[in-house]
Amino acid sequence: MSAIPIFLPPVLAQAGNQTAKPKTNTTVAAAPAVCNNPPIWMYASGGLLLLLVALGAYSKISYAKAAKQLKFETFKNRELQKKLK
């Protein structure tokens, strides 16, 4: 089987015969467009950042609690070993 060639017109390489017209009315300046609602990705990335910070704080607290409990259990085990001897 031979491959079927796909021909696309070269749109980007073509240069048109368009001439730039100078602006006739230079006294009126166009105001920049103001976006009233920011893109959704800004809210999503901000929410993910807050989630990451909250998850980090929760894991730090959980790790400290588990380390404290392990330390207490090893101390209790050591004391019971001393009593057993």
PDB file of N, CA and C in Angstrom:
ATOM      1  N   MET A   1       0.831  -1.188   0.000  1.00  0.00           N
ATOM      2  CA  MET A   1       0.000   0.000   0.000  1.00  0.00           C
ATOM      3  C   MET A   1       0.870   1.244   0.000  1.00  0.00           C
ATOM      4  N   SER A   2       0.499   2.164  -0.790  1.00  0.00           N
ATOM      5  CA  SER A   2       1.240   3.419  -0.831  1.00  0.00           C
ATOM      6  C   SER A   2       0.500   4.460   0.003  1.00  0.00           C
ATOM      7  N   ALA A   3       1.270   5.385   0.540  1.00  0.00           N
ATOM      8  CA  ALA A   3       0.683   6.440   1.363  1.00  0.00           C
ATOM      9  C   ALA A   3       0.012   7.475   0.469  1.00  0.00           C
ATOM     10  N   ILE A   4      -1.108   7.948   0.899  1.00  0.00           N
ATOM     11  CA  ILE A   4      -1.843   8.969   0.152  1.00  0.00           C
ATOM     12  C   ILE A   4      -1.297  10.332   0.562  1.00  0.00           C
ATOM     13  N   PRO A   5      -0.764  11.084  -0.382  1.00  0.00           N
ATOM     14  CA  PRO A   5      -0.228  12.399  -0.006  1.00  0.00           C
ATOM     15  C   PRO A   5      -1.364  13.380   0.309  1.00  0.00           C
ATOM     16  N   ILE A   6      -1.136  14.160   1.301  1.00  0.00           N
ATOM     17  CA  ILE A   6      -2.110  15.173   1.707  1.00  0.00           C
ATOM     18  C   ILE A   6      -1.535  16.523   1.338  1.00  0.00           C
ATOM     19  N   PHE A   7      -2.233  17.237   0.487  1.00  0.00           N
ATOM     20  CA  PHE A   7      -1.770  18.538   0.043  1.00  0.00           C
ATOM     21  C   PHE A   7      -2.571  19.627   0.746  1.00  0.00           C
ATOM     22  N   LEU A   8      -1.843  20.502   1.406  1.00  0.00           N
ATOM     23  CA  LEU A   8      -2.462  21.653   2.063  1.00  0.00           C
ATOM     24  C   LEU A   8      -1.973  22.916   1.382  1.00  0.00           C
ATOM     25  N   PRO A   9      -2.829  23.883   1.234  1.00  0.00           N
ATOM     26  CA  PRO A   9      -2.379  25.123   0.597  1.00  0.00           C
ATOM     27  C   PRO A   9      -1.431  25.885   1.526  1.00  0.00           C
ATOM     28  N   PRO A  10      -0.344  26.428   1.002  1.00  0.00           N
ATOM     29  CA  PRO A  10       0.620  27.163   1.831  1.00  0.00           C
ATOM     30  C   PRO A  10       0.096  28.550   2.174  1.00  0.00           C
ATOM     31  N   VAL A  11      -0.674  28.628   3.240  1.00  0.00           N
ATOM     32  CA  VAL A  11      -1.315  29.894   3.608  1.00  0.00           C
ATOM     33  C   VAL A  11      -0.330  30.818   4.304  1.00  0.00           C
ATOM     34  N   LEU A  12       0.536  30.269   5.136  1.00  0.00           N
ATOM     35  CA  LEU A  12       1.428  31.109   5.920  1.00  0.00           C
ATOM     36  C   LEU A  12       2.535  31.723   5.072  1.00  0.00           C
ATOM     37  N   ALA A  13       2.940  31.060   4.004  1.00  0.00           N
ATOM     38  CA  ALA A  13       4.046  31.554   3.197  1.00  0.00           C
ATOM     39  C   ALA A  13       3.615  32.621   2.205  1.00  0.00           C
ATOM     40  N   GLN A  14       2.352  32.795   2.000  1.00  0.00           N
ATOM     41  CA  GLN A  14       1.893  33.754   1.013  1.00  0.00           C
ATOM     42  C   GLN A  14       1.846  35.152   1.600  1.00  0.00           C
ATOM     43  N   ALA A  15       2.317  36.081   0.826  1.00  0.00           N
ATOM     44  CA  ALA A  15       2.244  37.488   1.226  1.00  0.00           C
ATOM     45  C   ALA A  15       1.264  38.188   0.303  1.00  0.00           C
ATOM     46  N   GLY A  16       0.323  38.891   0.872  1.00  0.00           N
ATOM     47  CA  GLY A  16      -0.688  39.574   0.076  1.00  0.00           C
ATOM     48  C   GLY A  16      -0.215  40.940  -0.386  1.00  0.00           C
ATOM     49  N   ASN A  17      -0.936  41.521  -1.260  1.00  0.00           N
ATOM     50  CA  ASN A  17      -0.634  42.853  -1.761  1.00  0.00           C
ATOM     51  C   ASN A  17      -1.404  43.900  -0.967  1.00  0.00           C
ATOM     52  N   GLN A  18      -1.331  43.814   0.316  1.00  0.00           N
ATOM     53  CA  GLN A  18      -2.044  44.757   1.157  1.00  0.00           C
ATOM     54  C   GLN A  18      -1.093  45.885   1.531  1.00  0.00           C
ATOM     55  N   THR A  19      -1.546  47.089   1.347  1.00  0.00           N
ATOM     56  CA  THR A  19      -0.746  48.237   1.740  1.00  0.00           C
ATOM     57  C   THR A  19      -1.341  48.816   3.003  1.00  0.00           C
ATOM     58  N   ALA A  20      -0.487  49.240   3.889  1.00  0.00           N
ATOM     59  CA  ALA A  20      -0.940  49.806   5.150  1.00  0.00           C
ATOM     60  C   ALA A  20      -1.392  51.238   4.921  1.00  0.00           C
ATOM     61  N   LYS A  21      -2.591  51.534   5.341  1.00  0.00           N
ATOM     62  CA  LYS A  21      -3.115  52.889   5.209  1.00  0.00           C
ATOM     63  C   LYS A  21      -2.786  53.653   6.490  1.00  0.00           C
ATOM     64  N   PRO A  22      -2.328  54.877   6.369  1.00  0.00           N
ATOM     65  CA  PRO A  22      -2.046  55.659   7.577  1.00  0.00           C
ATOM     66  C   PRO A  22      -3.357  56.054   8.255  1.00  0.00           C
ATOM     67  N   LYS A  23      -3.312  56.149   9.557  1.00  0.00           N
ATOM     68  CA  LYS A  23      -4.498  56.556  10.302  1.00  0.00           C
ATOM     69  C   LYS A  23      -4.772  58.036  10.066  1.00  0.00           C
ATOM     70  N   THR A  24      -6.008  58.314   9.764  1.00  0.00           N
ATOM     71  CA  THR A  24      -6.366  59.706   9.495  1.00  0.00           C
ATOM     72  C   THR A  24      -6.751  60.447  10.763  1.00  0.00           C
ATOM     73  N   ASN A  25      -7.349  59.768  11.728  1.00  0.00           N
ATOM     74  CA  ASN A  25      -7.808  60.403  12.955  1.00  0.00           C
ATOM     75  C   ASN A  25      -6.864  59.994  14.077  1.00  0.00           C
ATOM     76  N   THR A  26      -5.911  60.850  14.415  1.00  0.00           N
ATOM     77  CA  THR A  26      -4.937  60.541  15.458  1.00  0.00           C
ATOM     78  C   THR A  26      -5.294  61.182  16.781  1.00  0.00           C
ATOM     79  N   THR A  27      -6.349  61.952  16.845  1.00  0.00           N
ATOM     80  CA  THR A  27      -6.699  62.639  18.084  1.00  0.00           C
ATOM     81  C   THR A  27      -7.441  61.717  19.043  1.00  0.00           C
ATOM     82  N   VAL A  28      -8.121  60.712  18.549  1.00  0.00           N
ATOM     83  CA  VAL A  28      -8.887  59.809  19.395  1.00  0.00           C
ATOM     84  C   VAL A  28      -8.049  58.572  19.663  1.00  0.00           C
ATOM     85  N   ALA A  29      -7.706  58.343  20.918  1.00  0.00           N
ATOM     86  CA  ALA A  29      -6.922  57.170  21.286  1.00  0.00           C
ATOM     87  C   ALA A  29      -7.871  56.065  21.731  1.00  0.00           C
ATOM     88  N   ALA A  30      -7.620  54.886  21.284  1.00  0.00           N
ATOM     89  CA  ALA A  30      -8.464  53.756  21.655  1.00  0.00           C
ATOM     90  C   ALA A  30      -8.082  53.282  23.052  1.00  0.00           C
ATOM     91  N   ALA A  31      -9.073  53.106  23.887  1.00  0.00           N
ATOM     92  CA  ALA A  31      -8.839  52.620  25.243  1.00  0.00           C
ATOM     93  C   ALA A  31      -8.595  51.113  25.198  1.00  0.00           C
ATOM     94  N   PRO A  32      -7.684  50.619  26.029  1.00  0.00           N
ATOM     95  CA  PRO A  32      -7.444  49.171  26.027  1.00  0.00           C
ATOM     96  C   PRO A  32      -8.661  48.423  26.554  1.00  0.00           C
ATOM     97  N   ALA A  33      -8.873  47.253  26.016  1.00  0.00           N
ATOM     98  CA  ALA A  33     -10.017  46.447  26.434  1.00  0.00           C
ATOM     99  C   ALA A  33      -9.779  45.918  27.845  1.00  0.00           C
ATOM    100  N   VAL A  34     -10.756  46.064  28.698  1.00  0.00           N
ATOM    101  CA  VAL A  34     -10.659  45.609  30.078  1.00  0.00           C
ATOM    102  C   VAL A  34     -11.442  44.308  30.204  1.00  0.00           C
ATOM    103  N   CYS A  35     -10.785  43.307  30.727  1.00  0.00           N
ATOM    104  CA  CYS A  35     -11.431  42.008  30.921  1.00  0.00           C
ATOM    105  C   CYS A  35     -12.084  42.004  32.301  1.00  0.00           C
ATOM    106  N   ASN A  36     -13.392  41.897  32.353  1.00  0.00           N
ATOM    107  CA  ASN A  36     -14.098  41.939  33.627  1.00  0.00           C
ATOM    108  C   ASN A  36     -13.970  40.654  34.417  1.00  0.00           C
ATOM    109  N   ASN A  37     -13.828  39.535  33.747  1.00  0.00           N
ATOM    110  CA  ASN A  37     -13.685  38.272  34.464  1.00  0.00           C
ATOM    111  C   ASN A  37     -12.376  37.615  34.049  1.00  0.00           C
ATOM    112  N   PRO A  38     -11.479  37.353  35.030  1.00  0.00           N
ATOM    113  CA  PRO A  38     -10.203  36.722  34.694  1.00  0.00           C
ATOM    114  C   PRO A  38     -10.418  35.282  34.246  1.00  0.00           C
ATOM    115  N   PRO A  39      -9.456  34.729  33.550  1.00  0.00           N
ATOM    116  CA  PRO A  39      -9.595  33.351  33.056  1.00  0.00           C
ATOM    117  C   PRO A  39      -9.737  32.343  34.199  1.00  0.00           C
ATOM    118  N   ILE A  40     -10.359  31.230  33.897  1.00  0.00           N
ATOM    119  CA  ILE A  40     -10.637  30.208  34.910  1.00  0.00           C
ATOM    120  C   ILE A  40      -9.356  29.570  35.426  1.00  0.00           C
ATOM    121  N   TRP A  41      -8.303  29.555  34.609  1.00  0.00           N
ATOM    122  CA  TRP A  41      -7.069  28.912  35.047  1.00  0.00           C
ATOM    123  C   TRP A  41      -6.428  29.664  36.200  1.00  0.00           C
ATOM    124  N   MET A  42      -6.686  30.951  36.332  1.00  0.00           N
ATOM    125  CA  MET A  42      -6.138  31.705  37.464  1.00  0.00           C
ATOM    126  C   MET A  42      -6.789  31.255  38.766  1.00  0.00           C
ATOM    127  N   TYR A  43      -8.102  31.061  38.734  1.00  0.00           N
ATOM    128  CA  TYR A  43      -8.796  30.569  39.923  1.00  0.00           C
ATOM    129  C   TYR A  43      -8.384  29.137  40.233  1.00  0.00           C
ATOM    130  N   ALA A  44      -8.230  28.322  39.213  1.00  0.00           N
ATOM    131  CA  ALA A  44      -7.855  26.930  39.414  1.00  0.00           C
ATOM    132  C   ALA A  44      -6.452  26.828  40.008  1.00  0.00           C
ATOM    133  N   SER A  45      -5.506  27.594  39.494  1.00  0.00           N
ATOM    134  CA  SER A  45      -4.151  27.521  40.025  1.00  0.00           C
ATOM    135  C   SER A  45      -4.083  28.091  41.443  1.00  0.00           C
ATOM    136  N   GLY A  46      -4.858  29.125  41.729  1.00  0.00           N
ATOM    137  CA  GLY A  46      -4.905  29.660  43.091  1.00  0.00           C
ATOM    138  C   GLY A  46      -5.509  28.662  44.064  1.00  0.00           C
ATOM    139  N   GLY A  47      -6.578  27.984  43.633  1.00  0.00           N
ATOM    140  CA  GLY A  47      -7.187  26.958  44.476  1.00  0.00           C
ATOM    141  C   GLY A  47      -6.251  25.792  44.719  1.00  0.00           C
ATOM    142  N   LEU A  48      -5.516  25.389  43.685  1.00  0.00           N
ATOM    143  CA  LEU A  48      -4.555  24.298  43.854  1.00  0.00           C
ATOM    144  C   LEU A  48      -3.409  24.700  44.778  1.00  0.00           C
ATOM    145  N   LEU A  49      -3.000  25.960  44.718  1.00  0.00           N
ATOM    146  CA  LEU A  49      -1.953  26.441  45.618  1.00  0.00           C
ATOM    147  C   LEU A  49      -2.429  26.397  47.067  1.00  0.00           C
ATOM    148  N   LEU A  50      -3.653  26.868  47.310  1.00  0.00           N
ATOM    149  CA  LEU A  50      -4.202  26.812  48.666  1.00  0.00           C
ATOM    150  C   LEU A  50      -4.352  25.379  49.148  1.00  0.00           C
ATOM    151  N   LEU A  51      -4.785  24.491  48.257  1.00  0.00           N
ATOM    152  CA  LEU A  51      -4.912  23.084  48.603  1.00  0.00           C
ATOM    153  C   LEU A  51      -3.557  22.480  48.939  1.00  0.00           C
ATOM    154  N   LEU A  52      -2.525  22.838  48.187  1.00  0.00           N
ATOM    155  CA  LEU A  52      -1.185  22.330  48.437  1.00  0.00           C
ATOM    156  C   LEU A  52      -0.655  22.800  49.787  1.00  0.00           C
ATOM    157  N   VAL A  53      -0.879  24.060  50.117  1.00  0.00           N
ATOM    158  CA  VAL A  53      -0.423  24.602  51.406  1.00  0.00           C
ATOM    159  C   VAL A  53      -1.175  23.926  52.553  1.00  0.00           C
ATOM    160  N   ALA A  54      -2.491  23.768  52.403  1.00  0.00           N
ATOM    161  CA  ALA A  54      -3.281  23.126  53.455  1.00  0.00           C
ATOM    162  C   ALA A  54      -2.870  21.666  53.630  1.00  0.00           C
ATOM    163  N   LEU A  55      -2.620  20.972  52.536  1.00  0.00           N
ATOM    164  CA  LEU A  55      -2.195  19.576  52.618  1.00  0.00           C
ATOM    165  C   LEU A  55      -0.815  19.457  53.262  1.00  0.00           C
ATOM    166  N   GLY A  56       0.068  20.383  52.971  1.00  0.00           N
ATOM    167  CA  GLY A  56       1.394  20.381  53.594  1.00  0.00           C
ATOM    168  C   GLY A  56       1.301  20.601  55.097  1.00  0.00           C
ATOM    169  N   ALA A  57       0.457  21.544  55.516  1.00  0.00           N
ATOM    170  CA  ALA A  57       0.296  21.811  56.956  1.00  0.00           C
ATOM    171  C   ALA A  57      -0.327  20.610  57.651  1.00  0.00           C
ATOM    172  N   TYR A  58      -1.327  19.990  57.024  1.00  0.00           N
ATOM    173  CA  TYR A  58      -1.971  18.819  57.623  1.00  0.00           C
ATOM    174  C   TYR A  58      -0.999  17.653  57.745  1.00  0.00           C
ATOM    175  N   SER A  59      -0.186  17.434  56.721  1.00  0.00           N
ATOM    176  CA  SER A  59       0.755  16.320  56.777  1.00  0.00           C
ATOM    177  C   SER A  59       1.840  16.572  57.822  1.00  0.00           C
ATOM    178  N   LYS A  60       2.264  17.829  57.989  1.00  0.00           N
ATOM    179  CA  LYS A  60       3.259  18.151  59.017  1.00  0.00           C
ATOM    180  C   LYS A  60       2.701  17.888  60.402  1.00  0.00           C
ATOM    181  N   ILE A  61       1.462  18.281  60.635  1.00  0.00           N
ATOM    182  CA  ILE A  61       0.831  18.051  61.940  1.00  0.00           C
ATOM    183  C   ILE A  61       0.652  16.552  62.183  1.00  0.00           C
ATOM    184  N   SER A  62       0.222  15.828  61.168  1.00  0.00           N
ATOM    185  CA  SER A  62       0.037  14.377  61.312  1.00  0.00           C
ATOM    186  C   SER A  62       1.360  13.672  61.566  1.00  0.00           C
ATOM    187  N   TYR A  63       2.420  14.114  60.868  1.00  0.00           N
ATOM    188  CA  TYR A  63       3.727  13.503  61.059  1.00  0.00           C
ATOM    189  C   TYR A  63       4.236  13.771  62.469  1.00  0.00           C
ATOM    190  N   ALA A  64       4.055  14.983  62.973  1.00  0.00           N
ATOM    191  CA  ALA A  64       4.503  15.315  64.324  1.00  0.00           C
ATOM    192  C   ALA A  64       3.729  14.495  65.355  1.00  0.00           C
ATOM    193  N   LYS A  65       2.431  14.312  65.135  1.00  0.00           N
ATOM    194  CA  LYS A  65       1.606  13.530  66.057  1.00  0.00           C
ATOM    195  C   LYS A  65       2.043  12.067  66.066  1.00  0.00           C
ATOM    196  N   ALA A  66       2.311  11.501  64.877  1.00  0.00           N
ATOM    197  CA  ALA A  66       2.739  10.101  64.788  1.00  0.00           C
ATOM    198  C   ALA A  66       4.124   9.916  65.396  1.00  0.00           C
ATOM    199  N   ALA A  67       5.021  10.891  65.204  1.00  0.00           N
ATOM    200  CA  ALA A  67       6.364  10.798  65.778  1.00  0.00           C
ATOM    201  C   ALA A  67       6.300  10.854  67.303  1.00  0.00           C
ATOM    202  N   LYS A  68       5.432  11.697  67.829  1.00  0.00           N
ATOM    203  CA  LYS A  68       5.281  11.803  69.280  1.00  0.00           C
ATOM    204  C   LYS A  68       4.726  10.496  69.856  1.00  0.00           C
ATOM    205  N   GLN A  69       3.751   9.907  69.162  1.00  0.00           N
ATOM    206  CA  GLN A  69       3.164   8.650  69.613  1.00  0.00           C
ATOM    207  C   GLN A  69       4.189   7.522  69.563  1.00  0.00           C
ATOM    208  N   LEU A  70       5.018   7.483  68.520  1.00  0.00           N
ATOM    209  CA  LEU A  70       6.058   6.463  68.415  1.00  0.00           C
ATOM    210  C   LEU A  70       7.088   6.622  69.516  1.00  0.00           C
ATOM    211  N   LYS A  71       7.452   7.844  69.803  1.00  0.00           N
ATOM    212  CA  LYS A  71       8.417   8.100  70.876  1.00  0.00           C
ATOM    213  C   LYS A  71       7.863   7.631  72.223  1.00  0.00           C
ATOM    214  N   PHE A  72       6.582   7.893  72.466  1.00  0.00           N
ATOM    215  CA  PHE A  72       5.958   7.461  73.713  1.00  0.00           C
ATOM    216  C   PHE A  72       5.895   5.936  73.797  1.00  0.00           C
ATOM    217  N   GLU A  73       5.567   5.277  72.681  1.00  0.00           N
ATOM    218  CA  GLU A  73       5.483   3.811  72.676  1.00  0.00           C
ATOM    219  C   GLU A  73       6.843   3.177  72.911  1.00  0.00           C
ATOM    220  N   THR A  74       7.898   3.741  72.316  1.00  0.00           N
ATOM    221  CA  THR A  74       9.234   3.180  72.554  1.00  0.00           C
ATOM    222  C   THR A  74       9.650   3.393  74.008  1.00  0.00           C
ATOM    223  N   PHE A  75       9.312   4.536  74.583  1.00  0.00           N
ATOM    224  CA  PHE A  75       9.619   4.773  75.998  1.00  0.00           C
ATOM    225  C   PHE A  75       8.869   3.774  76.881  1.00  0.00           C
ATOM    226  N   LYS A  76       7.597   3.566  76.585  1.00  0.00           N
ATOM    227  CA  LYS A  76       6.794   2.630  77.371  1.00  0.00           C
ATOM    228  C   LYS A  76       7.338   1.208  77.227  1.00  0.00           C
ATOM    229  N   ASN A  77       7.744   0.827  76.031  1.00  0.00           N
ATOM    230  CA  ASN A  77       8.302  -0.496  75.801  1.00  0.00           C
ATOM    231  C   ASN A  77       9.616  -0.671  76.558  1.00  0.00           C
ATOM    232  N   ARG A  78      10.449   0.366  76.557  1.00  0.00           N
ATOM    233  CA  ARG A  78      11.713   0.301  77.285  1.00  0.00           C
ATOM    234  C   ARG A  78      11.481   0.141  78.785  1.00  0.00           C
ATOM    235  N   GLU A  79      10.495   0.878  79.321  1.00  0.00           N
ATOM    236  CA  GLU A  79      10.189   0.774  80.750  1.00  0.00           C
ATOM    237  C   GLU A  79       9.647  -0.618  81.103  1.00  0.00           C
ATOM    238  N   LEU A  80       8.827  -1.185  80.233  1.00  0.00           N
ATOM    239  CA  LEU A  80       8.327  -2.531  80.490  1.00  0.00           C
ATOM    240  C   LEU A  80       9.430  -3.569  80.407  1.00  0.00           C
ATOM    241  N   GLN A  81      10.401  -3.364  79.519  1.00  0.00           N
ATOM    242  CA  GLN A  81      11.536  -4.281  79.430  1.00  0.00           C
ATOM    243  C   GLN A  81      12.381  -4.212  80.711  1.00  0.00           C
ATOM    244  N   LYS A  82      12.533  -3.018  81.278  1.00  0.00           N
ATOM    245  CA  LYS A  82      13.284  -2.859  82.529  1.00  0.00           C
ATOM    246  C   LYS A  82      12.564  -3.579  83.669  1.00  0.00           C
ATOM    247  N   LYS A  83      11.240  -3.483  83.724  1.00  0.00           N
ATOM    248  CA  LYS A  83      10.474  -4.151  84.787  1.00  0.00           C
ATOM    249  C   LYS A  83      10.517  -5.653  84.621  1.00  0.00           C
ATOM    250  N   LEU A  84      10.581  -6.117  83.385  1.00  0.00           N
ATOM    251  CA  LEU A  84      10.587  -7.556  83.127  1.00  0.00           C
ATOM    252  C   LEU A  84      11.913  -8.173  83.586  1.00  0.00           C
ATOM    253  N   LYS A  85      12.999  -7.472  83.473  1.00  0.00           N
ATOM    254  CA  LYS A  85      14.307  -7.978  83.907  1.00  0.00           C
ATOM    255  C   LYS A  85      14.333  -7.998  85.388  1.00  0.00           C
TER     256      LYS A  85
END
